[in-house]
Amino acid sequence: MSSLNSSFSQNISIVHPQYFFILGLTGIPYSTYYYIFLFFLYFIAVIGNSVVLLIIALERSLHSAKYIGVFNLALADIGETNALIPNMMNTFLFDSQYISYNACLLNMFFVFLFSAMQSLTLVAMAYDRLIAICLPLRYHVFVNNTNMCFLFTAIFLFNSFIVAMMVSLTTQISFCKTNVIQSYFCDHGPMFRMACNDNNINKIIGFLYTTLYLIAPLLIIVLSYLAIFCVLSKITTWEGRLKALKTCVSHLLLVGIFYLPIFFTYLTSLLLYSTTNSRIISTSLAYAVPAMLNPIIYVLNTAEIRDVIRKVLKNRSTQIESISK
C-alpha cells in the first residue's frame, strides 16, 4: 500500500487511484480451496447452460415464447459467471490482486448487468406462467415470439442504462484514503463506501438497484403466483390443479434459488453485523450456485428438453452401433 499516493492521479477535486487492490478472504486457512470450489461450480454452470442454449437453438420445437425466456436466462447465467469467477481465479490463485481503475469499472458493469438480466428474466418467465394459467385462451395474443423478443430487448436496454449510470456515478467518487476494496470483485457497495467526498448519490443509485432488481421483482413474482393460486383454487379437480401447477415448478425453483440467498444476505447485513469474509462467502455462493443449478433444474423438470436429450442420445447410440457393425 506504500505506493498508494504515487498511484493517484488527480482530476480537479476528484481523486482516482491508478489501481485498486481486491482484498478477498483474509485470515481463513486454505481459502485457496474455496476459490477452486467456485471454479468447479463455474465449470458445471458453463457446460450446463451451454447445453441448454445449444438444445434450444437447434431444436425447432423449442422455438417458442416460453423457451426464449429459458434461453435468455442461460445467457445471463453464462455472462455473470464469466464476468465474475475467471477474474476471481486470476486474482486470488495467481496473486494478481491489483486491478486497473478502468478494468475495475468494466468488471463492475458486466457483473451487475448480467445479475440484473437474471432477475428481470425470472419476472418475464413469471409473466409467461401467469398468462398461460390465468388467460389460456389469449396466451398466444399476449405471449408470442415477437412480444418476448421485444420484451427481452427492452429489458437489456433498460438494464444497460441503469448499470451504466451506476458505474458512471462511481467515477465521481474521490478515493483519497485507500484503494483496498473489501470484496472479491469490484463491488459497488464496498467501493462507494470508500469515498472521501459526498457519496449520497451513489447510496441512492445503490438503493435503486436493490429495489429494481431484488425487492420489486420478488414482489411482482409473489403477486403473480397469488393470482395463479387464486385461479387454481377454482379448478374443481385436484388432478387439474396439479397439472397446471406442475408447469410452474421449474420456475418456482429458479426463483427460490436466485432470490432467497441474495435476500438473506442483504437482510443479514442490515440486521446483524456481517464480517467481510462472511459477506464474501455468502454473496459469491449466491452468484455461483443458481447459475450452476438452473440448467439442471430445467433438464430434470422439463419434459420437452428431456425428450430432445433422449432423442439425441438414442441417435448417437444408433450411429455407434451401425459403425461397430
Protein backbone atom coordinates (compact mmCIF):
# COMPACT_ATOMS: atom_id res chain seq x y z
CA MET A 1 0.00 0.00 0.00
CA SER A 2 3.05 2.31 0.25
CA SER A 3 2.75 3.09 -3.46
CA LEU A 4 -0.84 4.34 -2.99
CA ASN A 5 -0.01 8.05 -3.03
CA SER A 6 2.22 7.74 -6.09
CA SER A 7 -0.51 5.84 -7.95
CA PHE A 8 -3.12 8.57 -7.52
CA SER A 9 -3.97 10.80 -10.47
CA GLN A 10 -5.97 13.88 -9.52
CA ASN A 11 -8.62 15.44 -11.79
CA ILE A 12 -9.72 18.76 -10.26
CA SER A 13 -11.29 17.68 -6.92
CA ILE A 14 -11.85 14.01 -7.83
CA VAL A 15 -9.01 11.64 -6.92
CA HIS A 16 -8.80 8.30 -8.72
CA PRO A 17 -6.24 5.59 -7.97
CA GLN A 18 -4.38 4.07 -10.87
CA TYR A 19 -5.06 0.63 -9.38
CA PHE A 20 -7.36 -0.99 -6.85
CA PHE A 21 -6.39 -3.86 -4.54
CA ILE A 22 -9.04 -6.63 -4.25
CA LEU A 23 -8.83 -7.89 -0.67
CA GLY A 24 -10.81 -11.16 -0.87
CA LEU A 25 -10.92 -13.63 2.02
CA THR A 26 -8.48 -12.85 4.83
CA GLY A 27 -7.38 -14.88 7.84
CA ILE A 28 -9.01 -18.10 6.60
CA PRO A 29 -6.67 -21.11 6.25
CA TYR A 30 -6.76 -22.89 2.88
CA SER A 31 -9.01 -20.22 1.34
CA THR A 32 -7.49 -21.25 -2.00
CA TYR A 33 -9.63 -24.39 -1.90
CA TYR A 34 -12.76 -22.27 -1.70
CA TYR A 35 -11.84 -20.44 -4.90
CA ILE A 36 -11.17 -23.80 -6.56
CA PHE A 37 -14.62 -24.95 -5.40
CA LEU A 38 -16.17 -21.85 -7.02
CA PHE A 39 -14.30 -22.64 -10.22
CA PHE A 40 -15.80 -26.16 -10.13
CA LEU A 41 -19.28 -24.60 -9.85
CA TYR A 42 -18.37 -22.26 -12.71
CA PHE A 43 -17.30 -25.17 -14.91
CA ILE A 44 -20.60 -27.01 -14.33
CA ALA A 45 -22.57 -23.78 -14.91
CA VAL A 46 -20.89 -23.04 -18.24
CA ILE A 47 -21.26 -26.61 -19.53
CA GLY A 48 -24.87 -26.94 -18.36
CA ASN A 49 -26.05 -23.58 -19.68
CA SER A 50 -24.19 -24.09 -22.97
CA VAL A 51 -26.02 -27.40 -23.44
CA VAL A 52 -29.38 -25.69 -22.77
CA LEU A 53 -28.53 -22.91 -25.26
CA LEU A 54 -27.49 -25.46 -27.89
CA ILE A 55 -30.61 -27.59 -27.44
CA ILE A 56 -32.97 -24.61 -27.69
CA ALA A 57 -31.11 -23.15 -30.69
CA LEU A 58 -31.05 -26.39 -32.68
CA GLU A 59 -34.45 -27.89 -31.79
CA ARG A 60 -37.19 -26.11 -33.76
CA SER A 61 -39.93 -27.44 -31.47
CA LEU A 62 -38.41 -25.34 -28.66
CA HIS A 63 -38.54 -22.09 -30.64
CA SER A 64 -41.44 -20.79 -28.55
CA ALA A 65 -42.05 -17.86 -26.22
CA LYS A 66 -41.50 -19.95 -23.09
CA TYR A 67 -38.06 -21.13 -24.21
CA ILE A 68 -37.00 -17.65 -25.29
CA GLY A 69 -37.09 -16.92 -21.55
CA VAL A 70 -35.08 -20.05 -20.73
CA PHE A 71 -32.57 -19.14 -23.47
CA ASN A 72 -32.09 -15.62 -22.07
CA LEU A 73 -31.70 -16.94 -18.52
CA ALA A 74 -28.97 -19.34 -19.68
CA LEU A 75 -27.22 -16.46 -21.50
CA ALA A 76 -27.39 -14.33 -18.34
CA ASP A 77 -26.02 -17.20 -16.23
CA ILE A 78 -23.04 -17.68 -18.56
CA GLY A 79 -22.44 -13.93 -18.74
CA GLU A 80 -22.49 -13.45 -14.98
CA THR A 81 -20.24 -16.41 -14.13
CA ASN A 82 -17.76 -15.43 -16.86
CA ALA A 83 -17.67 -11.85 -15.59
CA LEU A 84 -17.06 -12.98 -12.03
CA ILE A 85 -15.32 -16.31 -11.46
CA PRO A 86 -12.44 -16.42 -14.01
CA ASN A 87 -11.42 -12.98 -12.77
CA MET A 88 -11.54 -14.29 -9.18
CA MET A 89 -9.29 -17.20 -10.13
CA ASN A 90 -6.78 -14.86 -11.72
CA THR A 91 -6.95 -12.50 -8.74
CA PHE A 92 -6.56 -14.92 -5.84
CA LEU A 93 -4.89 -18.04 -7.23
CA PHE A 94 -2.23 -16.21 -9.23
CA ASP A 95 -1.58 -13.37 -6.75
CA SER A 96 -2.87 -10.71 -9.12
CA GLN A 97 -4.96 -8.72 -6.65
CA TYR A 98 -4.24 -5.37 -8.28
CA ILE A 99 -6.69 -4.27 -10.98
CA SER A 100 -6.55 -1.07 -13.00
CA TYR A 101 -9.17 1.61 -12.40
CA ASN A 102 -10.85 1.24 -15.81
CA ALA A 103 -10.77 -2.57 -15.71
CA CYS A 104 -12.41 -2.42 -12.28
CA LEU A 105 -15.29 -0.29 -13.58
CA LEU A 106 -15.72 -2.64 -16.55
CA ASN A 107 -15.82 -5.64 -14.21
CA MET A 108 -18.48 -3.93 -12.09
CA PHE A 109 -20.60 -3.14 -15.16
CA PHE A 110 -20.74 -6.71 -16.50
CA VAL A 111 -21.30 -8.43 -13.13
CA PHE A 112 -24.22 -6.16 -12.25
CA LEU A 113 -25.63 -6.14 -15.80
CA PHE A 114 -25.91 -9.93 -16.03
CA SER A 115 -27.22 -10.19 -12.47
CA ALA A 116 -29.94 -7.68 -13.41
CA MET A 117 -30.69 -9.72 -16.54
CA GLN A 118 -31.18 -12.84 -14.42
CA SER A 119 -33.59 -11.04 -12.11
CA LEU A 120 -35.82 -9.49 -14.78
CA THR A 121 -35.74 -12.66 -16.90
CA LEU A 122 -37.32 -14.51 -13.98
CA VAL A 123 -40.02 -11.79 -13.87
CA ALA A 124 -40.66 -12.25 -17.61
CA MET A 125 -40.94 -16.01 -17.09
CA ALA A 126 -43.44 -15.40 -14.27
CA TYR A 127 -45.47 -13.29 -16.72
CA ASP A 128 -45.44 -16.24 -19.13
CA ARG A 129 -46.82 -18.60 -16.45
CA LEU A 130 -49.39 -16.02 -15.29
CA ILE A 131 -50.88 -15.61 -18.77
CA ALA A 132 -50.70 -19.34 -19.53
CA ILE A 133 -52.77 -20.25 -16.45
CA CYS A 134 -54.98 -17.21 -15.91
CA LEU A 135 -55.71 -16.34 -19.56
CA PRO A 136 -55.03 -19.55 -21.51
CA LEU A 137 -57.31 -18.64 -24.44
CA ARG A 138 -55.43 -15.37 -25.01
CA TYR A 139 -51.94 -16.77 -24.33
CA HIS A 140 -50.75 -16.55 -27.95
CA VAL A 141 -52.03 -12.98 -28.20
CA PHE A 142 -50.05 -11.69 -25.19
CA VAL A 143 -47.16 -14.17 -25.20
CA ASN A 144 -45.62 -14.93 -28.58
CA ASN A 145 -42.11 -14.97 -30.03
CA THR A 146 -42.30 -11.38 -31.29
CA ASN A 147 -43.56 -9.98 -28.00
CA MET A 148 -40.99 -11.92 -25.95
CA CYS A 149 -38.10 -10.85 -28.19
CA PHE A 150 -39.25 -7.24 -27.87
CA LEU A 151 -39.60 -7.64 -24.08
CA PHE A 152 -36.09 -9.05 -23.62
CA THR A 153 -34.58 -6.40 -25.88
CA ALA A 154 -36.27 -3.72 -23.76
CA ILE A 155 -35.03 -5.43 -20.57
CA PHE A 156 -31.46 -5.49 -21.89
CA LEU A 157 -31.51 -1.82 -22.89
CA PHE A 158 -33.11 -0.77 -19.58
CA ASN A 159 -30.59 -2.77 -17.54
CA SER A 160 -27.68 -1.42 -19.56
CA PHE A 161 -28.83 2.14 -18.89
CA ILE A 162 -29.30 1.64 -15.13
CA VAL A 163 -25.99 -0.19 -14.64
CA ALA A 164 -24.08 2.25 -16.87
CA MET A 165 -25.48 5.11 -14.80
CA MET A 166 -24.40 3.35 -11.59
CA VAL A 167 -20.86 2.81 -12.91
CA SER A 168 -20.58 6.36 -14.31
CA LEU A 169 -21.57 7.81 -10.93
CA THR A 170 -18.78 5.75 -9.36
CA THR A 171 -16.33 7.87 -11.34
CA GLN A 172 -17.45 10.87 -9.26
CA ILE A 173 -16.11 9.24 -6.09
CA SER A 174 -12.83 10.54 -4.73
CA PHE A 175 -10.65 7.68 -3.42
CA CYS A 176 -8.11 9.61 -1.37
CA LYS A 177 -7.91 7.37 1.73
CA THR A 178 -7.49 3.82 0.44
CA ASN A 179 -7.57 1.77 -2.74
CA VAL A 180 -8.37 -1.53 -0.98
CA ILE A 181 -11.77 -3.00 -2.00
CA GLN A 182 -13.08 -5.24 0.78
CA SER A 183 -14.76 -7.70 -1.55
CA TYR A 184 -13.82 -10.34 -4.14
CA PHE A 185 -14.60 -8.21 -7.21
CA CYS A 186 -15.22 -4.53 -7.97
CA ASP A 187 -18.38 -4.45 -5.89
CA HIS A 188 -20.39 -1.22 -5.92
CA GLY A 189 -21.24 -1.14 -2.20
CA PRO A 190 -17.72 -1.54 -0.79
CA MET A 191 -16.41 0.90 -3.40
CA PHE A 192 -18.73 3.83 -2.77
CA ARG A 193 -18.21 3.43 0.99
CA MET A 194 -14.50 4.15 0.37
CA ALA A 195 -15.35 7.70 -0.76
CA CYS A 196 -13.84 10.68 0.99
CA ASN A 197 -16.23 13.10 -0.71
CA ASP A 198 -20.05 13.23 -0.82
CA ASN A 199 -21.31 9.77 -1.87
CA ASN A 200 -25.06 10.28 -1.28
CA ILE A 201 -25.90 9.95 -4.99
CA ASN A 202 -24.06 6.60 -5.02
CA LYS A 203 -26.06 5.44 -2.00
CA ILE A 204 -29.26 6.39 -3.82
CA ILE A 205 -28.31 4.52 -7.01
CA GLY A 206 -27.28 1.51 -4.90
CA PHE A 207 -30.69 1.55 -3.20
CA LEU A 208 -32.36 1.98 -6.61
CA TYR A 209 -30.51 -1.06 -7.98
CA THR A 210 -31.53 -3.16 -4.98
CA THR A 211 -35.15 -2.03 -5.33
CA LEU A 212 -35.32 -2.59 -9.09
CA TYR A 213 -33.61 -5.98 -9.17
CA LEU A 214 -34.37 -7.58 -5.81
CA ILE A 215 -37.36 -6.13 -3.97
CA ALA A 216 -39.64 -5.15 -6.90
CA PRO A 217 -39.07 -8.34 -8.97
CA LEU A 218 -39.65 -10.60 -5.99
CA LEU A 219 -42.82 -8.68 -5.09
CA ILE A 220 -44.11 -8.91 -8.69
CA ILE A 221 -43.43 -12.65 -8.82
CA VAL A 222 -45.18 -13.23 -5.47
CA LEU A 223 -48.23 -11.28 -6.67
CA SER A 224 -48.21 -13.25 -9.94
CA TYR A 225 -48.31 -16.54 -8.08
CA LEU A 226 -51.03 -15.32 -5.74
CA ALA A 227 -53.13 -14.67 -8.87
CA ILE A 228 -52.18 -18.10 -10.23
CA PHE A 229 -53.14 -19.84 -6.97
CA CYS A 230 -56.48 -17.99 -6.95
CA VAL A 231 -57.22 -19.33 -10.44
CA LEU A 232 -56.05 -22.83 -9.50
CA SER A 233 -58.35 -22.84 -6.45
CA LYS A 234 -61.32 -22.54 -8.82
CA ILE A 235 -60.40 -25.74 -10.66
CA THR A 236 -62.71 -28.44 -9.36
CA THR A 237 -60.36 -31.45 -9.52
CA TRP A 238 -57.03 -31.92 -7.77
CA GLU A 239 -55.69 -33.55 -10.92
CA GLY A 240 -56.36 -30.37 -12.89
CA ARG A 241 -54.76 -28.20 -10.22
CA LEU A 242 -51.63 -30.35 -10.04
CA LYS A 243 -51.33 -30.50 -13.82
CA ALA A 244 -51.41 -26.69 -14.06
CA LEU A 245 -49.14 -26.23 -11.05
CA LYS A 246 -46.61 -28.69 -12.48
CA THR A 247 -45.87 -26.24 -15.29
CA CYS A 248 -44.72 -23.72 -12.65
CA VAL A 249 -42.42 -25.99 -10.62
CA SER A 250 -39.24 -25.25 -12.59
CA HIS A 251 -39.79 -21.51 -12.43
CA LEU A 252 -40.58 -21.57 -8.70
CA LEU A 253 -37.35 -23.47 -8.04
CA LEU A 254 -35.37 -20.96 -10.11
CA VAL A 255 -36.95 -18.07 -8.22
CA GLY A 256 -36.18 -19.67 -4.87
CA ILE A 257 -32.51 -20.41 -5.54
CA PHE A 258 -31.89 -16.98 -7.07
CA TYR A 259 -33.71 -14.57 -4.74
CA LEU A 260 -33.64 -16.28 -1.34
CA PRO A 261 -29.82 -16.42 -0.90
CA ILE A 262 -29.40 -12.80 -2.06
CA PHE A 263 -32.33 -11.62 0.06
CA PHE A 264 -30.94 -13.47 3.09
CA THR A 265 -27.52 -11.88 2.54
CA TYR A 266 -28.97 -8.36 2.35
CA LEU A 267 -31.20 -8.97 5.37
CA THR A 268 -28.31 -10.30 7.44
CA SER A 269 -26.10 -7.32 6.58
CA LEU A 270 -28.89 -4.92 7.57
CA LEU A 271 -29.98 -6.56 10.84
CA LEU A 272 -26.77 -8.18 12.07
CA TYR A 273 -23.08 -7.42 12.00
CA SER A 274 -21.60 -9.09 8.92
CA THR A 275 -17.86 -9.59 8.57
CA THR A 276 -16.14 -9.13 5.23
CA ASN A 277 -15.38 -12.85 5.00
CA SER A 278 -18.97 -13.93 5.69
CA ARG A 279 -20.30 -11.42 3.16
CA ILE A 280 -17.83 -12.60 0.51
CA ILE A 281 -18.72 -16.27 1.03
CA SER A 282 -22.48 -15.71 1.08
CA THR A 283 -22.59 -13.38 -1.95
CA SER A 284 -20.18 -15.47 -4.03
CA LEU A 285 -22.28 -18.58 -3.41
CA ALA A 286 -25.46 -16.59 -4.17
CA TYR A 287 -23.95 -15.68 -7.55
CA ALA A 288 -22.41 -19.06 -8.44
CA VAL A 289 -24.89 -21.69 -7.20
CA PRO A 290 -28.04 -20.53 -9.10
CA ALA A 291 -26.12 -20.37 -12.39
CA MET A 292 -25.00 -23.96 -11.83
CA LEU A 293 -28.42 -25.30 -10.76
CA ASN A 294 -30.62 -23.52 -13.34
CA PRO A 295 -29.80 -25.80 -16.31
CA ILE A 296 -30.02 -28.91 -14.11
CA ILE A 297 -33.47 -27.88 -12.90
CA TYR A 298 -34.73 -27.25 -16.42
CA VAL A 299 -33.33 -30.51 -17.78
CA LEU A 300 -34.85 -32.54 -14.93
CA ASN A 301 -38.23 -30.76 -14.81
CA THR A 302 -38.95 -30.01 -18.46
CA ALA A 303 -40.27 -32.92 -20.49
CA GLU A 304 -39.54 -31.25 -23.85
CA ILE A 305 -35.83 -30.79 -23.08
CA ARG A 306 -35.57 -34.31 -21.65
CA ASP A 307 -37.17 -35.69 -24.82
CA VAL A 308 -34.69 -33.82 -27.03
CA ILE A 309 -31.72 -35.10 -24.99
CA ARG A 310 -33.14 -38.63 -25.06
CA LYS A 311 -33.60 -38.44 -28.84
CA VAL A 312 -30.04 -37.16 -29.36
CA LEU A 313 -28.57 -39.89 -27.16
CA LYS A 314 -30.65 -42.55 -28.94
CA ASN A 315 -29.50 -41.34 -32.36
CA ARG A 316 -25.91 -41.26 -31.13
CA SER A 317 -26.08 -44.84 -29.79
CA THR A 318 -27.66 -45.98 -33.06
CA GLN A 319 -24.83 -44.40 -35.05
CA ILE A 320 -22.22 -46.05 -32.81
CA GLU A 321 -23.89 -49.45 -33.23
CA SER A 322 -24.04 -49.08 -37.01
CA ILE A 323 -20.33 -48.11 -37.13
CA SER A 324 -19.35 -51.04 -34.91
CA LYS A 325 -21.14 -53.46 -37.26
